[in-house]
Every structure is written in structure tokens, then in C-alpha cells.
Amino acid sequence: MTEHAEYLTSEVVVDYADGLIDRREALRRLSLLGVGAAVATPMLAACDSEKESGAPAPAPSTSPSGSAPAGPAPLTTEAVTFAGPEGRTLQGAWAAAADPRGTVLVIHENRGLTDHIRSVAGRFAASGYSALAIDLLSAEGGTAKFTDPAQATAALNAAPPARFMADLKAGVGELQRRVAGKKTAAIGFCFGGGMVWSLLASGEPRLAAAAPFYGPFPSGGDLAGSKGAAVLGVYAGLDDRVNATRDTARAALEKAGNPHEIVTYDGANHAFFNDTGQRYDATAAAAVYQKVLDWFGRYSAV
């Protein structure tokens, strides 16, 4: 099982443990990821045992229903296509800032290019950064092809990781083509946060800044090839699963000499920035959005 497959599997298990999905749905999603009942059943049983042992339940969202998204009202995004590797056509959502200070590559969560991620691109454009939200399911026909989000996750699981890196590098190139002379940053969430770390570890030299949100750091990741990128690593205090790689990420940043800061929002949980999700934390989301703007303004604005 690849690292990103292990991560996607663990996402389902944690959603079950946190009570966001029931057992039947968890088994269905695990099956789509290629995890058979013989393996899935004991995974979920372990979660049940922890609950029965009196382990504390995860804290609920601190945000009331209908809380506003962090940041300004988004600018409208435009569906675009652009040239990818090996003659493939890539899809994305483009949001142009009126007077761009820089550009941002936005990398989606494990459900593909959703309206939420389009909104994030639009918010960055409203904040002065032209943004491209790339669709890493372009080779499968695009996220819109999947009416079931779990099927989109399964398609990401089945895709070769090397393709993701090639597509993300093409996304960086497209941003630099569209907005010449401006620096480029990358931001990603959950699965996308892991993709930001992997893009940095791939030796991508064109990123001036990056903000991986609660994404797992790749085992053996070496950031020497992209040491020019200033990295703001964002974590949630309750996200023990991803936080297990936080010290490794910090050590890799220190070894490579990247300008960096690791920030953890105590009391927030995994995916706390996603205002459409059940773990949304409006207070933490607002704070981190401003922190990212400050970081990009310092390192990737021209």
C-alpha cells in the first residue's frame, strides 16, 4: 500500500472513530479503497474498543452552524484547461486578482476539486493573489465526473503518485505563464497538504512559499531541492494522526535550511479550515487565513 493510500484509508477510520460516518458507510468507503472486510472489520473494531474503554471523544466543532468562511468574499472562478505532462490536458479553477501581488496553487482535499476549494481560490484572488485550484482527477475526466465523493477518493487512491507530482509541476508552470514576473506559492489541505509536502520534497525549485495544512510528511522526505521555499506548516491540536509526522517535517525543514514556522491550533481538529465540514472551527480558520496572507506577503509577494 502506498503512503497516500494508507493516509486515505486512515481518513475513513478516523471519520468513523469521530462519529462522522456510521459503520456501514465506513465499510463501503474502505471497500472502494481496496480494503477488504477481513482487514476493515478489525480496524473499525479497534475504534469501538477505544470508545468502550472510555477514551475521550473528539471535541465537537466550536463553530455554530452556518458560520461564515474565513477571509473575504471570493471572486468568481473560471473553469480552465491547460497543458499537462505527456500531452494530457489538465483541469482547474482560475481566479484572477485585479492587481496580483503573487500567485497561489491551491491543492484540494481527498474529494477532488469541490466548490469549497474553488471558493478558497476565489478568496485568495480577493486578497490579491491570482489562484489556480488544480484538479488532480483530470486524467479521470475531472472531479465533476464523480457524483459520489467516496468514488472520487477511490480514484485518487488508484492514481500513481508520480502523476500527481507531474501535474502539480504543470500547475506551477501554468501560474507563471498566466502571471509572468510574480512569485508562486502553494497551499493544500489534508490530502492536498500532503501533496504540498511531496511537491517540496520532489525538488520543485519554483515555489517561493508553501502552506501545507494538516498534511502528512512523506517518509524519507528531503527538502534540499526546494530550500528556497518558505514553509508555514499548519496543524490542529486534536489531529494526533497527522501530528505524528510534525517533528519529522520540522527536522527536514531545519536540515534543508528553509525559512519556516510550524503553527498548531490547539482545540482545533483535522480539516478545521473547511467551512463545509463538520470539524470547521471559525476562530482558528480566521486566524490561520490571516497568518497565511502575512506569510505569503512576506515571502511570495512582489
Protein backbone atom coordinates (compact mmCIF):
# COMPACT_ATOMS: atom_id res chain seq x y z
CA MET A 1 0.00 0.00 0.00
CA THR A 2 1.39 3.40 -0.97
CA GLU A 3 1.76 6.16 1.60
CA HIS A 4 -1.10 8.16 0.13
CA ALA A 5 -3.29 5.02 0.12
CA GLU A 6 -2.51 4.48 3.80
CA TYR A 7 -3.42 8.08 4.51
CA LEU A 8 -6.73 7.91 2.65
CA THR A 9 -7.58 4.68 4.48
CA SER A 10 -6.79 6.28 7.82
CA GLU A 11 -9.07 9.22 6.96
CA VAL A 12 -12.03 6.84 6.74
CA VAL A 13 -11.14 5.12 10.00
CA VAL A 14 -10.78 8.43 11.84
CA ASP A 15 -14.09 9.70 10.44
CA TYR A 16 -15.70 6.54 11.83
CA ALA A 17 -13.94 6.89 15.17
CA ASP A 18 -15.10 10.51 15.43
CA GLY A 19 -18.70 9.54 14.68
CA LEU A 20 -18.87 11.42 11.37
CA ILE A 21 -19.89 8.28 9.47
CA ASP A 22 -21.52 5.04 10.57
CA ARG A 23 -20.07 1.54 10.32
CA ARG A 24 -21.85 0.67 7.08
CA GLU A 25 -20.57 3.79 5.35
CA ALA A 26 -17.06 3.23 6.69
CA LEU A 27 -17.02 -0.31 5.31
CA ARG A 28 -18.31 0.94 1.95
CA ARG A 29 -15.63 3.60 1.70
CA LEU A 30 -12.89 1.21 2.74
CA SER A 31 -14.07 -1.28 0.15
CA LEU A 32 -13.81 1.40 -2.54
CA LEU A 33 -10.22 1.95 -1.43
CA GLY A 34 -9.50 -1.74 -1.91
CA VAL A 35 -9.57 -2.63 1.79
CA GLY A 36 -11.42 -5.92 2.16
CA ALA A 37 -13.75 -6.79 5.01
CA ALA A 38 -11.14 -9.08 6.60
CA VAL A 39 -8.90 -6.07 7.15
CA ALA A 40 -11.52 -3.36 7.54
CA THR A 41 -13.56 -5.09 10.24
CA PRO A 42 -10.75 -5.27 12.83
CA MET A 43 -9.79 -1.66 12.03
CA LEU A 44 -13.25 -0.46 12.97
CA ALA A 45 -13.46 -2.89 15.89
CA ALA A 46 -10.33 -1.27 17.34
CA CYS A 47 -12.13 2.08 17.22
CA ASP A 48 -15.11 0.55 19.00
CA SER A 49 -12.84 -0.86 21.70
CA GLU A 50 -11.34 2.56 22.33
CA LYS A 51 -14.81 4.03 22.72
CA GLU A 52 -15.84 1.28 25.12
CA SER A 53 -12.65 1.77 27.16
CA GLY A 54 -13.77 5.28 27.96
CA ALA A 55 -11.33 7.11 25.69
CA PRO A 56 -12.44 10.74 25.38
CA ALA A 57 -14.50 11.57 22.33
CA PRO A 58 -13.15 14.21 19.97
CA ALA A 59 -14.21 17.73 20.71
CA PRO A 60 -17.09 18.93 18.57
CA SER A 61 -16.71 21.89 16.25
CA THR A 62 -16.55 25.17 18.09
CA SER A 63 -18.35 26.94 15.23
CA PRO A 64 -22.11 27.31 15.08
CA SER A 65 -23.95 26.00 12.06
CA GLY A 66 -23.78 28.48 9.21
CA SER A 67 -20.55 30.14 10.36
CA ALA A 68 -19.03 32.32 7.66
CA PRO A 69 -15.94 31.10 5.80
CA ALA A 70 -12.61 32.68 6.71
CA GLY A 71 -11.35 35.50 4.55
CA PRO A 72 -13.04 37.90 2.14
CA ALA A 73 -15.94 37.15 -0.16
CA PRO A 74 -14.45 35.11 -3.01
CA LEU A 75 -14.03 36.37 -6.53
CA THR A 76 -15.64 34.26 -9.22
CA THR A 77 -13.59 31.35 -10.51
CA GLU A 78 -13.44 30.24 -14.12
CA ALA A 79 -13.15 26.63 -15.26
CA VAL A 80 -9.94 26.33 -17.27
CA THR A 81 -7.86 23.70 -19.01
CA PHE A 82 -4.13 23.80 -19.61
CA ALA A 83 -1.36 21.63 -20.97
CA GLY A 84 -0.17 18.85 -18.72
CA PRO A 85 2.65 16.32 -18.98
CA GLU A 86 2.74 13.65 -21.67
CA GLY A 87 0.24 15.52 -23.81
CA ARG A 88 -2.52 15.33 -21.22
CA THR A 89 -4.98 18.15 -20.59
CA LEU A 90 -5.39 19.32 -17.02
CA GLN A 91 -8.42 20.98 -15.48
CA GLY A 92 -8.69 23.60 -12.79
CA ALA A 93 -10.48 26.64 -11.43
CA TRP A 94 -8.84 30.00 -12.10
CA ALA A 95 -9.40 33.17 -10.07
CA ALA A 96 -7.63 36.32 -11.24
CA ALA A 97 -6.69 39.07 -8.78
CA ALA A 98 -7.24 42.61 -10.06
CA ASP A 99 -3.65 43.60 -9.29
CA PRO A 100 -1.84 40.40 -8.30
CA ARG A 101 0.88 40.50 -5.69
CA GLY A 102 1.72 36.89 -6.50
CA THR A 103 0.12 33.57 -7.41
CA VAL A 104 -1.09 30.56 -5.44
CA LEU A 105 -1.51 26.92 -6.45
CA VAL A 106 -4.42 25.50 -4.42
CA ILE A 107 -4.43 21.72 -3.86
CA HIS A 108 -7.67 20.04 -2.87
CA GLU A 109 -8.63 17.54 -0.21
CA ASN A 110 -9.39 13.88 -0.87
CA ARG A 111 -12.72 14.62 -2.57
CA GLY A 112 -11.18 16.43 -5.50
CA LEU A 113 -11.90 19.90 -6.81
CA THR A 114 -15.03 20.87 -4.87
CA ASP A 115 -16.93 24.14 -4.60
CA HIS A 116 -15.19 24.72 -1.27
CA ILE A 117 -11.75 24.58 -2.90
CA ARG A 118 -12.94 26.85 -5.71
CA SER A 119 -14.03 29.27 -3.01
CA VAL A 120 -10.57 29.15 -1.43
CA ALA A 121 -9.03 30.08 -4.79
CA GLY A 122 -11.54 32.93 -5.10
CA ARG A 123 -10.72 34.18 -1.63
CA PHE A 124 -7.01 34.33 -2.40
CA ALA A 125 -7.79 36.28 -5.57
CA ALA A 126 -9.85 38.71 -3.50
CA SER A 127 -6.84 39.03 -1.18
CA GLY A 128 -4.52 39.91 -4.06
CA TYR A 129 -3.16 36.54 -5.21
CA SER A 130 -4.25 35.08 -8.53
CA ALA A 131 -5.01 31.45 -7.79
CA LEU A 132 -5.29 28.17 -9.67
CA ALA A 133 -7.08 25.29 -7.96
CA ILE A 134 -5.86 22.23 -9.83
CA ASP A 135 -7.96 19.10 -10.34
CA LEU A 136 -5.80 16.05 -9.66
CA LEU A 137 -8.55 13.88 -11.16
CA SER A 138 -8.14 15.47 -14.58
CA ALA A 139 -6.89 12.19 -16.07
CA GLU A 140 -10.12 10.51 -14.93
CA GLY A 141 -12.25 13.17 -16.60
CA GLY A 142 -12.31 15.60 -13.67
CA THR A 143 -13.90 15.59 -10.23
CA ALA A 144 -17.29 16.53 -11.68
CA LYS A 145 -17.44 13.06 -13.23
CA PHE A 146 -17.90 11.56 -9.76
CA THR A 147 -21.29 12.08 -8.17
CA ASP A 148 -20.19 10.08 -5.12
CA PRO A 149 -17.36 11.81 -3.21
CA ALA A 150 -16.14 8.43 -1.99
CA GLN A 151 -15.66 7.37 -5.60
CA ALA A 152 -13.52 10.46 -6.18
CA THR A 153 -11.40 9.50 -3.19
CA ALA A 154 -11.06 5.97 -4.54
CA ALA A 155 -9.91 7.34 -7.90
CA LEU A 156 -7.23 9.43 -6.16
CA ASN A 157 -6.21 6.31 -4.28
CA ALA A 158 -5.80 4.35 -7.52
CA ALA A 159 -3.76 7.02 -9.31
CA PRO A 160 0.05 6.78 -9.39
CA PRO A 161 1.67 9.31 -7.02
CA ALA A 162 4.22 10.26 -9.68
CA ARG A 163 1.38 11.59 -11.82
CA PHE A 164 0.31 13.95 -9.07
CA MET A 165 3.78 15.47 -8.88
CA ALA A 166 3.96 15.92 -12.66
CA ASP A 167 0.53 17.56 -12.71
CA LEU A 168 1.35 19.88 -9.81
CA LYS A 169 4.55 20.99 -11.51
CA ALA A 170 2.49 21.74 -14.61
CA GLY A 171 0.19 23.80 -12.40
CA VAL A 172 3.12 25.86 -11.16
CA GLY A 173 4.16 26.42 -14.76
CA GLU A 174 0.65 27.49 -15.73
CA LEU A 175 0.55 30.07 -12.95
CA GLN A 176 3.87 31.51 -14.06
CA ARG A 177 2.64 31.61 -17.64
CA ARG A 178 -0.58 33.41 -16.71
CA VAL A 179 1.02 35.90 -14.33
CA ALA A 180 4.56 36.44 -15.52
CA GLY A 181 7.09 38.02 -13.19
CA LYS A 182 5.28 37.13 -9.96
CA LYS A 183 6.33 34.62 -7.33
CA THR A 184 4.36 31.42 -6.76
CA ALA A 185 3.18 29.83 -3.52
CA ALA A 186 1.34 26.56 -2.88
CA ILE A 187 -1.33 25.70 -0.33
CA GLY A 188 -3.08 22.39 0.24
CA PHE A 189 -5.47 20.82 2.73
CA CYS A 190 -5.48 17.30 4.23
CA PHE A 191 -4.59 15.10 1.23
CA GLY A 192 -3.59 18.33 -0.51
CA GLY A 193 -1.40 19.28 2.44
CA GLY A 194 0.47 16.03 1.96
CA MET A 195 0.78 16.86 -1.73
CA VAL A 196 2.39 20.21 -0.84
CA TRP A 197 4.99 18.43 1.28
CA SER A 198 5.60 15.92 -1.52
CA LEU A 199 5.92 18.70 -4.09
CA LEU A 200 8.56 20.35 -1.92
CA ALA A 201 10.32 17.01 -1.44
CA SER A 202 10.31 16.46 -5.21
CA GLY A 203 12.80 19.29 -5.55
CA GLU A 204 10.43 21.80 -7.15
CA PRO A 205 12.57 24.98 -7.20
CA ARG A 206 9.95 27.49 -8.37
CA LEU A 207 7.97 27.82 -5.14
CA ALA A 208 8.71 30.90 -3.08
CA ALA A 209 6.39 29.86 -0.26
CA ALA A 210 4.15 26.99 0.81
CA ALA A 211 1.46 26.36 3.41
CA PRO A 212 0.65 22.66 3.91
CA PHE A 213 -2.44 22.32 6.12
CA TYR A 214 -2.52 19.21 8.34
CA GLY A 215 -0.92 17.04 5.67
CA PRO A 216 1.32 14.02 6.38
CA PHE A 217 5.01 14.47 5.71
CA PRO A 218 6.35 11.81 3.30
CA SER A 219 8.68 9.24 4.84
CA GLY A 220 12.26 9.99 3.91
CA GLY A 221 11.26 13.39 2.54
CA ASP A 222 14.27 15.60 1.73
CA LEU A 223 13.56 19.28 1.13
CA ALA A 224 17.05 20.28 -0.03
CA GLY A 225 15.90 20.75 -3.63
CA SER A 226 13.33 23.36 -2.66
CA LYS A 227 15.13 25.06 0.20
CA GLY A 228 14.24 28.45 -1.26
CA ALA A 229 10.60 27.94 -0.31
CA ALA A 230 9.46 29.49 2.96
CA VAL A 231 7.15 26.95 4.59
CA LEU A 232 4.33 27.60 7.02
CA GLY A 233 3.28 24.21 8.39
CA VAL A 234 -0.27 24.28 9.79
CA TYR A 235 -1.51 21.68 12.27
CA ALA A 236 -4.54 21.09 14.50
CA GLY A 237 -4.06 20.30 18.16
CA LEU A 238 -6.55 17.40 18.18
CA ASP A 239 -5.21 15.81 14.97
CA ASP A 240 -2.95 13.17 16.52
CA ARG A 241 -2.76 11.14 13.30
CA VAL A 242 -1.15 13.86 11.18
CA ASN A 243 0.69 15.43 14.11
CA ALA A 244 2.72 12.22 14.35
CA THR A 245 4.79 13.49 11.37
CA ARG A 246 5.09 17.09 12.57
CA ASP A 247 8.51 16.68 14.20
CA THR A 248 9.82 14.92 11.10
CA ALA A 249 8.64 17.81 8.95
CA ARG A 250 10.29 20.32 11.27
CA ALA A 251 13.57 18.38 11.22
CA ALA A 252 13.55 18.23 7.41
CA LEU A 253 12.95 21.98 7.19
CA GLU A 254 15.79 22.68 9.60
CA LYS A 255 18.15 20.34 7.76
CA ALA A 256 17.37 21.93 4.38
CA GLY A 257 17.56 25.46 5.73
CA ASN A 258 14.11 26.52 4.58
CA PRO A 259 12.68 29.60 6.28
CA HIS A 260 9.81 28.06 8.21
CA GLU A 261 7.30 28.21 11.01
CA ILE A 262 5.24 25.37 12.45
CA VAL A 263 1.95 26.54 13.96
CA THR A 264 -0.54 24.35 15.82
CA TYR A 265 -4.09 25.50 16.64
CA ASP A 266 -4.93 23.97 19.99
CA GLY A 267 -8.52 22.83 20.33
CA ALA A 268 -8.99 22.58 16.55
CA ASN A 269 -9.28 19.29 14.71
CA HIS A 270 -8.27 17.94 11.32
CA ALA A 271 -9.87 19.86 8.43
CA PHE A 272 -10.72 22.80 10.67
CA PHE A 273 -10.43 25.25 7.75
CA ASN A 274 -13.16 23.60 5.68
CA ASP A 275 -16.32 25.61 6.37
CA THR A 276 -18.46 22.94 4.67
CA GLY A 277 -17.28 20.19 7.03
CA GLN A 278 -18.24 19.02 10.49
CA ARG A 279 -14.90 19.96 12.05
CA TYR A 280 -14.92 23.59 10.94
CA ASP A 281 -13.53 25.99 13.54
CA ALA A 282 -14.34 29.55 12.52
CA THR A 283 -11.99 31.15 15.04
CA ALA A 284 -8.97 29.06 14.06
CA ALA A 285 -9.83 29.38 10.35
CA ALA A 286 -9.95 33.17 10.50
CA ALA A 287 -6.66 33.32 12.40
CA VAL A 288 -4.83 30.98 10.04
CA TYR A 289 -6.12 32.70 6.90
CA GLN A 290 -4.61 35.97 8.08
CA LYS A 291 -1.40 34.20 9.07
CA VAL A 292 -1.10 32.67 5.60
CA LEU A 293 -1.66 36.08 3.99
CA ASP A 294 1.06 37.55 6.19
CA TRP A 295 3.39 34.67 5.29
CA PHE A 296 2.76 34.94 1.56
CA GLY A 297 3.07 38.73 1.80
CA ARG A 298 6.48 38.33 3.38
CA TYR A 299 7.87 35.62 1.11
CA SER A 300 5.95 35.41 -2.17
CA ALA A 301 4.61 38.87 -2.93
CA VAL A 302 6.33 41.11 -5.49
